[in-house]
Amino acid sequence: MARIAKARAMRKSMSPPEARLWLSLRRLRAQGFHFRRQHPLLGYYLDFVCLSRGLVVEVDGGSHEGRSDWDRRRDDALLQVGLKTLRIPAVDVRDRLTDVVDFILRELEAAAPTRPLRGPPPRDGEGD
């Protein structure tokens, strides 16, 4: 339960670039892409994750300097469970938000759904 409490606290104290990107990622719901923020998984807290497409988005700011080995181990662990990580520099979120969101959207569209579609299969002739 402590992980959930920590995740909730982290959601309330996002960095300005994270908060800015979150507003844009929420708008992608209209296109069927649902992101979670500060999602606890495997002992890590993922900045943003779209579980249905297996895509993690991390905003890397000054706190990530000198942590490339740790980040690489984390990304490898996530890849082992089918999650691809995109690392976006905070300065790009600040200065080029439209380009960043377009890049994320292209990655989402290229990724195959990671969960089977729910509901019965279409009847003969439907969906053609």
C-alpha atoms as a PDB file:
ATOM      1  CA  MET A   1       0.000   0.000   0.000  1.00  0.00           C
ATOM      2  CA  ALA A   2       2.959   2.311   0.578  1.00  0.00           C
ATOM      3  CA  ARG A   3       3.757   2.164  -3.158  1.00  0.00           C
ATOM      4  CA  ILE A   4       0.314   3.499  -4.032  1.00  0.00           C
ATOM      5  CA  ALA A   5       0.609   6.298  -1.479  1.00  0.00           C
ATOM      6  CA  LYS A   6       4.028   7.233  -2.862  1.00  0.00           C
ATOM      7  CA  ALA A   7       2.683   7.185  -6.439  1.00  0.00           C
ATOM      8  CA  ARG A   8      -0.183   9.478  -5.416  1.00  0.00           C
ATOM      9  CA  ALA A   9       2.257  11.880  -3.770  1.00  0.00           C
ATOM     10  CA  MET A  10       4.467  11.845  -6.874  1.00  0.00           C
ATOM     11  CA  ARG A  11       1.448  12.691  -9.062  1.00  0.00           C
ATOM     12  CA  LYS A  12       0.906  15.813  -6.969  1.00  0.00           C
ATOM     13  CA  SER A  13       4.527  16.938  -7.280  1.00  0.00           C
ATOM     14  CA  MET A  14       5.312  16.423 -10.966  1.00  0.00           C
ATOM     15  CA  SER A  15       7.985  18.609 -12.514  1.00  0.00           C
ATOM     16  CA  PRO A  16       6.739  21.370 -14.853  1.00  0.00           C
ATOM     17  CA  PRO A  17       7.784  19.396 -17.982  1.00  0.00           C
ATOM     18  CA  GLU A  18       6.015  16.262 -16.669  1.00  0.00           C
ATOM     19  CA  ALA A  19       2.855  18.246 -15.914  1.00  0.00           C
ATOM     20  CA  ARG A  20       2.936  19.850 -19.347  1.00  0.00           C
ATOM     21  CA  LEU A  21       3.371  16.518 -21.120  1.00  0.00           C
ATOM     22  CA  TRP A  22       0.639  14.922 -18.978  1.00  0.00           C
ATOM     23  CA  LEU A  23      -1.915  17.439 -20.269  1.00  0.00           C
ATOM     24  CA  SER A  24      -1.041  16.469 -23.837  1.00  0.00           C
ATOM     25  CA  LEU A  25      -1.022  12.730 -23.152  1.00  0.00           C
ATOM     26  CA  ARG A  26      -4.481  12.944 -21.584  1.00  0.00           C
ATOM     27  CA  ARG A  27      -5.787  14.374 -24.855  1.00  0.00           C
ATOM     28  CA  LEU A  28      -4.676  11.190 -26.638  1.00  0.00           C
ATOM     29  CA  ARG A  29      -7.498   9.306 -24.877  1.00  0.00           C
ATOM     30  CA  ALA A  30      -9.801  10.576 -27.619  1.00  0.00           C
ATOM     31  CA  GLN A  31      -7.701   8.475 -30.019  1.00  0.00           C
ATOM     32  CA  GLY A  32      -7.886   5.408 -27.787  1.00  0.00           C
ATOM     33  CA  PHE A  33      -4.545   5.761 -25.978  1.00  0.00           C
ATOM     34  CA  HIS A  34      -4.906   5.771 -22.187  1.00  0.00           C
ATOM     35  CA  PHE A  35      -1.862   6.780 -20.149  1.00  0.00           C
ATOM     36  CA  ARG A  36      -1.283   6.333 -16.440  1.00  0.00           C
ATOM     37  CA  ARG A  37       1.127   8.598 -14.587  1.00  0.00           C
ATOM     38  CA  GLN A  38       3.594   7.693 -11.850  1.00  0.00           C
ATOM     39  CA  HIS A  39       2.516   4.070 -12.193  1.00  0.00           C
ATOM     40  CA  PRO A  40       4.292   1.677  -9.776  1.00  0.00           C
ATOM     41  CA  LEU A  41       5.663  -1.437 -11.492  1.00  0.00           C
ATOM     42  CA  LEU A  42       8.553  -3.795 -10.680  1.00  0.00           C
ATOM     43  CA  GLY A  43       9.691  -1.504  -7.876  1.00  0.00           C
ATOM     44  CA  TYR A  44       9.891   1.506 -10.212  1.00  0.00           C
ATOM     45  CA  TYR A  45       7.599   4.478 -10.726  1.00  0.00           C
ATOM     46  CA  LEU A  46       6.946   5.059 -14.417  1.00  0.00           C
ATOM     47  CA  ASP A  47       6.420   8.709 -15.380  1.00  0.00           C
ATOM     48  CA  PHE A  48       3.791   7.702 -17.957  1.00  0.00           C
ATOM     49  CA  VAL A  49       2.705   4.339 -19.343  1.00  0.00           C
ATOM     50  CA  CYS A  50       0.209   3.235 -21.963  1.00  0.00           C
ATOM     51  CA  LEU A  51      -0.274  -0.389 -20.919  1.00  0.00           C
ATOM     52  CA  SER A  52      -2.421  -1.301 -23.916  1.00  0.00           C
ATOM     53  CA  ARG A  53       0.498  -0.482 -26.248  1.00  0.00           C
ATOM     54  CA  GLY A  54       3.354  -1.427 -23.938  1.00  0.00           C
ATOM     55  CA  LEU A  55       4.884   2.058 -24.075  1.00  0.00           C
ATOM     56  CA  VAL A  56       6.578   3.909 -21.214  1.00  0.00           C
ATOM     57  CA  VAL A  57       7.454   7.601 -21.533  1.00  0.00           C
ATOM     58  CA  GLU A  58      10.095   8.999 -19.179  1.00  0.00           C
ATOM     59  CA  VAL A  59      10.846  12.712 -18.961  1.00  0.00           C
ATOM     60  CA  ASP A  60      14.558  13.013 -18.224  1.00  0.00           C
ATOM     61  CA  GLY A  61      15.660  16.186 -16.488  1.00  0.00           C
ATOM     62  CA  GLY A  62      18.652  17.123 -14.390  1.00  0.00           C
ATOM     63  CA  SER A  63      17.994  14.330 -11.888  1.00  0.00           C
ATOM     64  CA  HIS A  64      18.871  11.756 -14.559  1.00  0.00           C
ATOM     65  CA  GLU A  65      22.397  13.056 -15.131  1.00  0.00           C
ATOM     66  CA  GLY A  66      24.936  10.421 -14.156  1.00  0.00           C
ATOM     67  CA  ARG A  67      22.256   7.733 -13.882  1.00  0.00           C
ATOM     68  CA  SER A  68      22.562   6.199 -17.336  1.00  0.00           C
ATOM     69  CA  ASP A  69      23.539   2.754 -15.976  1.00  0.00           C
ATOM     70  CA  TRP A  70      20.581   2.748 -13.577  1.00  0.00           C
ATOM     71  CA  ASP A  71      18.231   3.937 -16.342  1.00  0.00           C
ATOM     72  CA  ARG A  72      19.543   1.234 -18.695  1.00  0.00           C
ATOM     73  CA  ARG A  73      18.965  -1.515 -16.092  1.00  0.00           C
ATOM     74  CA  ARG A  74      15.482  -0.184 -15.463  1.00  0.00           C
ATOM     75  CA  ASP A  75      14.667  -0.020 -19.180  1.00  0.00           C
ATOM     76  CA  ASP A  76      15.955  -3.596 -19.623  1.00  0.00           C
ATOM     77  CA  ALA A  77      13.772  -4.841 -16.752  1.00  0.00           C
ATOM     78  CA  LEU A  78      10.733  -3.165 -18.287  1.00  0.00           C
ATOM     79  CA  LEU A  79      11.552  -4.601 -21.699  1.00  0.00           C
ATOM     80  CA  GLN A  80      11.575  -8.091 -20.158  1.00  0.00           C
ATOM     81  CA  VAL A  81       7.877  -7.636 -19.330  1.00  0.00           C
ATOM     82  CA  GLY A  82       7.081  -6.198 -22.765  1.00  0.00           C
ATOM     83  CA  LEU A  83       7.358  -2.460 -22.114  1.00  0.00           C
ATOM     84  CA  LYS A  84       9.387  -0.208 -24.411  1.00  0.00           C
ATOM     85  CA  THR A  85      10.761   2.986 -22.850  1.00  0.00           C
ATOM     86  CA  LEU A  86      11.001   6.332 -24.620  1.00  0.00           C
ATOM     87  CA  ARG A  87      13.294   8.797 -22.863  1.00  0.00           C
ATOM     88  CA  ILE A  88      12.393  12.393 -23.623  1.00  0.00           C
ATOM     89  CA  PRO A  89      14.649  15.238 -22.442  1.00  0.00           C
ATOM     90  CA  ALA A  90      12.749  17.745 -20.298  1.00  0.00           C
ATOM     91  CA  VAL A  91      14.110  20.579 -22.436  1.00  0.00           C
ATOM     92  CA  ASP A  92      12.378  19.040 -25.489  1.00  0.00           C
ATOM     93  CA  VAL A  93       9.069  18.933 -23.621  1.00  0.00           C
ATOM     94  CA  ARG A  94       9.578  22.586 -22.733  1.00  0.00           C
ATOM     95  CA  ASP A  95      10.713  23.805 -26.163  1.00  0.00           C
ATOM     96  CA  ARG A  96       9.206  21.339 -28.670  1.00  0.00           C
ATOM     97  CA  LEU A  97       6.075  19.862 -27.102  1.00  0.00           C
ATOM     98  CA  THR A  98       4.225  19.393 -30.397  1.00  0.00           C
ATOM     99  CA  ASP A  99       7.146  17.435 -31.879  1.00  0.00           C
ATOM    100  CA  VAL A 100       7.410  15.310 -28.725  1.00  0.00           C
ATOM    101  CA  VAL A 101       3.705  14.433 -28.755  1.00  0.00           C
ATOM    102  CA  ASP A 102       3.834  13.664 -32.491  1.00  0.00           C
ATOM    103  CA  PHE A 103       6.784  11.311 -31.863  1.00  0.00           C
ATOM    104  CA  ILE A 104       4.948   9.552 -29.023  1.00  0.00           C
ATOM    105  CA  LEU A 105       1.816   9.231 -31.164  1.00  0.00           C
ATOM    106  CA  ARG A 106       3.809   7.635 -34.004  1.00  0.00           C
ATOM    107  CA  GLU A 107       5.288   5.133 -31.532  1.00  0.00           C
ATOM    108  CA  LEU A 108       1.825   4.327 -30.167  1.00  0.00           C
ATOM    109  CA  GLU A 109       0.399   3.811 -33.641  1.00  0.00           C
ATOM    110  CA  ALA A 110       3.318   1.564 -34.629  1.00  0.00           C
ATOM    111  CA  ALA A 111       3.008  -0.594 -31.503  1.00  0.00           C
ATOM    112  CA  ALA A 112       0.695  -3.568 -31.628  1.00  0.00           C
ATOM    113  CA  PRO A 113      -1.921  -3.778 -28.882  1.00  0.00           C
ATOM    114  CA  THR A 114      -0.534  -5.790 -25.979  1.00  0.00           C
ATOM    115  CA  ARG A 115      -3.882  -7.113 -24.798  1.00  0.00           C
ATOM    116  CA  PRO A 116      -6.467  -9.027 -26.800  1.00  0.00           C
ATOM    117  CA  LEU A 117      -9.543  -7.082 -27.793  1.00  0.00           C
ATOM    118  CA  ARG A 118     -12.457  -7.686 -25.465  1.00  0.00           C
ATOM    119  CA  GLY A 119     -15.851  -8.906 -26.561  1.00  0.00           C
ATOM    120  CA  PRO A 120     -17.030 -11.521 -29.009  1.00  0.00           C
ATOM    121  CA  PRO A 121     -15.536 -11.808 -32.488  1.00  0.00           C
ATOM    122  CA  PRO A 122     -17.458 -10.010 -35.246  1.00  0.00           C
ATOM    123  CA  ARG A 123     -20.213 -11.924 -37.018  1.00  0.00           C
ATOM    124  CA  ASP A 124     -19.755 -12.941 -40.630  1.00  0.00           C
ATOM    125  CA  GLY A 125     -19.741  -9.859 -42.807  1.00  0.00           C
ATOM    126  CA  GLU A 126     -19.146  -7.395 -39.955  1.00  0.00           C
ATOM    127  CA  GLY A 127     -15.954  -5.394 -39.979  1.00  0.00           C
ATOM    128  CA  ASP A 128     -15.267  -5.923 -43.680  1.00  0.00           C
END
